[in-house]
Amino acid sequence: MALSYKTRRRLALLILVVGLPAYVVAAVVVISLFDRPPIWVEFGVYLTLGIVWVLPFRAIFRGVGRQDPDDPGAGND
C-alpha cells in the first residue's frame, strides 16, 4: 500500500522532529557505555550511524520536497 503525499510529508516531519533527536541521544548513550575510543574511531562510528538511520526511511523522504503531484491547483504542466 503506497502512502499519499500528505501522509509521507507528515511522517517525514515526525521522523525528523522526534525520531532523529531520539536516535542521536541513543547513539551517544550507546557510545558512552564503552571506554572512549580514539577521536577518529568515534567520528567514524557517528558518521556511520548518521548515514544508517535514514536508510529505512528512504522511501518516505523521497520526493517530499517537491510539489504535491495529486494537487490539481499546483499547476503541474
N, C-alpha and C. Protein backbone atom coordinates (compact mmCIF):
# COMPACT_ATOMS: atom_id res chain seq x y z
N MET A 1 0.84 -1.18 0.00
CA MET A 1 0.00 0.00 0.00
C MET A 1 0.88 1.23 0.00
N ALA A 2 0.71 2.08 -0.98
CA ALA A 2 1.50 3.30 -1.09
C ALA A 2 0.90 4.40 -0.23
N LEU A 3 1.76 5.15 0.41
CA LEU A 3 1.31 6.28 1.23
C LEU A 3 1.05 7.49 0.35
N SER A 4 0.06 8.29 0.73
CA SER A 4 -0.21 9.51 -0.03
C SER A 4 0.90 10.52 0.24
N TYR A 5 0.93 11.54 -0.60
CA TYR A 5 1.96 12.57 -0.49
C TYR A 5 1.88 13.28 0.86
N LYS A 6 0.66 13.65 1.28
CA LYS A 6 0.49 14.35 2.55
C LYS A 6 0.89 13.48 3.74
N THR A 7 0.57 12.20 3.67
CA THR A 7 0.95 11.28 4.74
C THR A 7 2.47 11.14 4.83
N ARG A 8 3.11 11.05 3.67
CA ARG A 8 4.57 10.95 3.67
C ARG A 8 5.20 12.22 4.22
N ARG A 9 4.65 13.39 3.88
CA ARG A 9 5.18 14.66 4.41
C ARG A 9 5.05 14.72 5.93
N ARG A 10 3.89 14.35 6.43
CA ARG A 10 3.68 14.37 7.88
C ARG A 10 4.57 13.36 8.59
N LEU A 11 4.69 12.19 8.02
CA LEU A 11 5.54 11.16 8.61
C LEU A 11 7.01 11.58 8.57
N ALA A 12 7.45 12.20 7.49
CA ALA A 12 8.83 12.68 7.40
C ALA A 12 9.10 13.76 8.44
N LEU A 13 8.15 14.66 8.65
CA LEU A 13 8.30 15.69 9.67
C LEU A 13 8.37 15.08 11.06
N LEU A 14 7.53 14.11 11.33
CA LEU A 14 7.56 13.43 12.63
C LEU A 14 8.89 12.73 12.85
N ILE A 15 9.38 12.07 11.83
CA ILE A 15 10.67 11.38 11.94
C ILE A 15 11.80 12.37 12.21
N LEU A 16 11.79 13.52 11.53
CA LEU A 16 12.86 14.50 11.71
C LEU A 16 12.77 15.22 13.06
N VAL A 17 11.56 15.50 13.53
CA VAL A 17 11.40 16.27 14.76
C VAL A 17 11.52 15.39 16.01
N VAL A 18 11.01 14.17 15.95
CA VAL A 18 11.02 13.30 17.13
C VAL A 18 12.05 12.19 16.99
N GLY A 19 12.06 11.52 15.86
CA GLY A 19 12.91 10.35 15.68
C GLY A 19 14.39 10.64 15.62
N LEU A 20 14.78 11.68 14.90
CA LEU A 20 16.20 12.00 14.77
C LEU A 20 16.84 12.39 16.09
N PRO A 21 16.24 13.30 16.88
CA PRO A 21 16.84 13.60 18.19
C PRO A 21 16.90 12.38 19.10
N ALA A 22 15.88 11.54 19.06
CA ALA A 22 15.90 10.33 19.88
C ALA A 22 17.02 9.39 19.43
N TYR A 23 17.24 9.29 18.13
CA TYR A 23 18.31 8.45 17.60
C TYR A 23 19.68 9.00 18.00
N VAL A 24 19.84 10.32 17.97
CA VAL A 24 21.11 10.93 18.38
C VAL A 24 21.39 10.64 19.85
N VAL A 25 20.40 10.81 20.69
CA VAL A 25 20.57 10.53 22.12
C VAL A 25 20.91 9.07 22.33
N ALA A 26 20.22 8.18 21.65
CA ALA A 26 20.50 6.75 21.78
C ALA A 26 21.92 6.42 21.33
N ALA A 27 22.38 7.01 20.23
CA ALA A 27 23.73 6.75 19.74
C ALA A 27 24.78 7.24 20.73
N VAL A 28 24.57 8.41 21.32
CA VAL A 28 25.52 8.95 22.29
C VAL A 28 25.55 8.08 23.56
N VAL A 29 24.39 7.63 23.98
CA VAL A 29 24.32 6.78 25.17
C VAL A 29 25.04 5.46 24.93
N VAL A 30 24.82 4.86 23.77
CA VAL A 30 25.47 3.59 23.47
C VAL A 30 26.99 3.76 23.39
N ILE A 31 27.46 4.82 22.77
CA ILE A 31 28.90 5.07 22.68
C ILE A 31 29.48 5.33 24.06
N SER A 32 28.73 5.99 24.93
CA SER A 32 29.26 6.32 26.25
C SER A 32 29.31 5.11 27.18
N LEU A 33 28.69 4.01 26.81
CA LEU A 33 28.76 2.80 27.63
C LEU A 33 30.16 2.17 27.60
N PHE A 34 30.91 2.44 26.56
CA PHE A 34 32.24 1.88 26.40
C PHE A 34 33.27 2.94 26.77
N ASP A 35 34.52 2.50 26.95
CA ASP A 35 35.60 3.47 27.15
C ASP A 35 35.70 4.32 25.88
N ARG A 36 36.05 5.58 26.07
CA ARG A 36 36.08 6.48 24.92
C ARG A 36 37.16 6.05 23.93
N PRO A 37 36.74 5.77 22.68
CA PRO A 37 37.72 5.35 21.67
C PRO A 37 38.49 6.56 21.15
N PRO A 38 39.53 6.33 20.35
CA PRO A 38 40.22 7.46 19.72
C PRO A 38 39.23 8.30 18.90
N ILE A 39 39.55 9.56 18.75
CA ILE A 39 38.62 10.50 18.12
C ILE A 39 38.26 10.09 16.70
N TRP A 40 39.18 9.53 15.95
CA TRP A 40 38.89 9.14 14.57
C TRP A 40 37.94 7.95 14.52
N VAL A 41 38.04 7.05 15.52
CA VAL A 41 37.11 5.91 15.58
C VAL A 41 35.72 6.41 15.98
N GLU A 42 35.68 7.30 16.94
CA GLU A 42 34.41 7.87 17.38
C GLU A 42 33.74 8.63 16.23
N PHE A 43 34.52 9.39 15.49
CA PHE A 43 33.99 10.11 14.33
C PHE A 43 33.43 9.14 13.30
N GLY A 44 34.15 8.06 13.04
CA GLY A 44 33.68 7.05 12.08
C GLY A 44 32.39 6.39 12.52
N VAL A 45 32.28 6.11 13.82
CA VAL A 45 31.05 5.50 14.34
C VAL A 45 29.88 6.45 14.17
N TYR A 46 30.06 7.72 14.55
CA TYR A 46 28.98 8.69 14.42
C TYR A 46 28.63 8.94 12.96
N LEU A 47 29.61 8.96 12.08
CA LEU A 47 29.36 9.13 10.66
C LEU A 47 28.54 7.96 10.11
N THR A 48 28.93 6.76 10.47
CA THR A 48 28.20 5.57 10.03
C THR A 48 26.78 5.56 10.56
N LEU A 49 26.62 5.86 11.85
CA LEU A 49 25.28 5.90 12.43
C LEU A 49 24.43 7.01 11.81
N GLY A 50 25.06 8.11 11.43
CA GLY A 50 24.34 9.20 10.79
C GLY A 50 23.82 8.85 9.42
N ILE A 51 24.48 7.95 8.74
CA ILE A 51 24.02 7.50 7.43
C ILE A 51 23.01 6.35 7.57
N VAL A 52 23.25 5.47 8.52
CA VAL A 52 22.43 4.27 8.67
C VAL A 52 21.01 4.59 9.12
N TRP A 53 20.81 5.65 9.90
CA TRP A 53 19.47 5.91 10.44
C TRP A 53 18.46 6.22 9.35
N VAL A 54 18.90 6.79 8.24
CA VAL A 54 17.96 7.21 7.21
C VAL A 54 17.61 6.10 6.22
N LEU A 55 18.36 5.05 6.16
CA LEU A 55 18.13 4.01 5.16
C LEU A 55 16.73 3.38 5.26
N PRO A 56 16.21 3.07 6.44
CA PRO A 56 14.86 2.51 6.48
C PRO A 56 13.77 3.50 6.06
N PHE A 57 14.05 4.79 6.15
CA PHE A 57 13.05 5.82 5.85
C PHE A 57 13.23 6.43 4.47
N ARG A 58 14.04 5.84 3.65
CA ARG A 58 14.36 6.40 2.35
C ARG A 58 13.12 6.60 1.48
N ALA A 59 12.21 5.64 1.49
CA ALA A 59 11.00 5.74 0.67
C ALA A 59 10.08 6.86 1.15
N ILE A 60 10.10 7.13 2.44
CA ILE A 60 9.25 8.19 2.99
C ILE A 60 9.77 9.56 2.58
N PHE A 61 11.09 9.74 2.63
CA PHE A 61 11.67 11.04 2.32
C PHE A 61 11.76 11.34 0.82
N ARG A 62 11.65 10.34 -0.01
CA ARG A 62 11.80 10.53 -1.46
C ARG A 62 10.66 11.39 -2.01
N GLY A 63 11.00 12.53 -2.61
CA GLY A 63 10.04 13.39 -3.27
C GLY A 63 9.23 14.28 -2.35
N VAL A 64 9.55 14.32 -1.06
CA VAL A 64 8.77 15.12 -0.13
C VAL A 64 8.98 16.61 -0.36
N GLY A 65 10.10 17.03 -0.85
CA GLY A 65 10.38 18.44 -1.07
C GLY A 65 9.76 19.01 -2.34
N ARG A 66 9.15 18.18 -3.14
CA ARG A 66 8.52 18.64 -4.38
C ARG A 66 7.06 18.98 -4.16
N GLN A 67 6.44 19.56 -5.19
CA GLN A 67 5.02 19.86 -5.12
C GLN A 67 4.20 18.58 -5.10
N ASP A 68 3.01 18.67 -4.52
CA ASP A 68 2.11 17.53 -4.46
C ASP A 68 1.70 17.14 -5.89
N PRO A 69 2.03 15.93 -6.30
CA PRO A 69 1.69 15.53 -7.68
C PRO A 69 0.19 15.33 -7.87
N ASP A 70 -0.57 15.17 -6.80
CA ASP A 70 -2.01 14.94 -6.91
C ASP A 70 -2.83 16.21 -6.74
N ASP A 71 -2.19 17.33 -6.47
CA ASP A 71 -2.90 18.59 -6.26
C ASP A 71 -3.26 19.21 -7.61
N PRO A 72 -4.59 19.34 -7.92
CA PRO A 72 -4.96 19.88 -9.22
C PRO A 72 -4.66 21.36 -9.37
N GLY A 73 -4.54 22.09 -8.28
CA GLY A 73 -4.27 23.53 -8.35
C GLY A 73 -2.80 23.88 -8.31
N ALA A 74 -1.92 22.89 -8.31
CA ALA A 74 -0.50 23.15 -8.19
C ALA A 74 0.12 23.62 -9.50
N GLY A 75 -0.62 23.51 -10.59
CA GLY A 75 -0.08 23.96 -11.88
C GLY A 75 0.92 22.98 -12.45
N ASN A 76 0.63 21.70 -12.33
CA ASN A 76 1.51 20.67 -12.88
C ASN A 76 1.41 20.70 -14.40
N ASP A 77 2.46 21.14 -15.04
CA ASP A 77 2.47 21.24 -16.51
C ASP A 77 3.20 20.07 -17.11
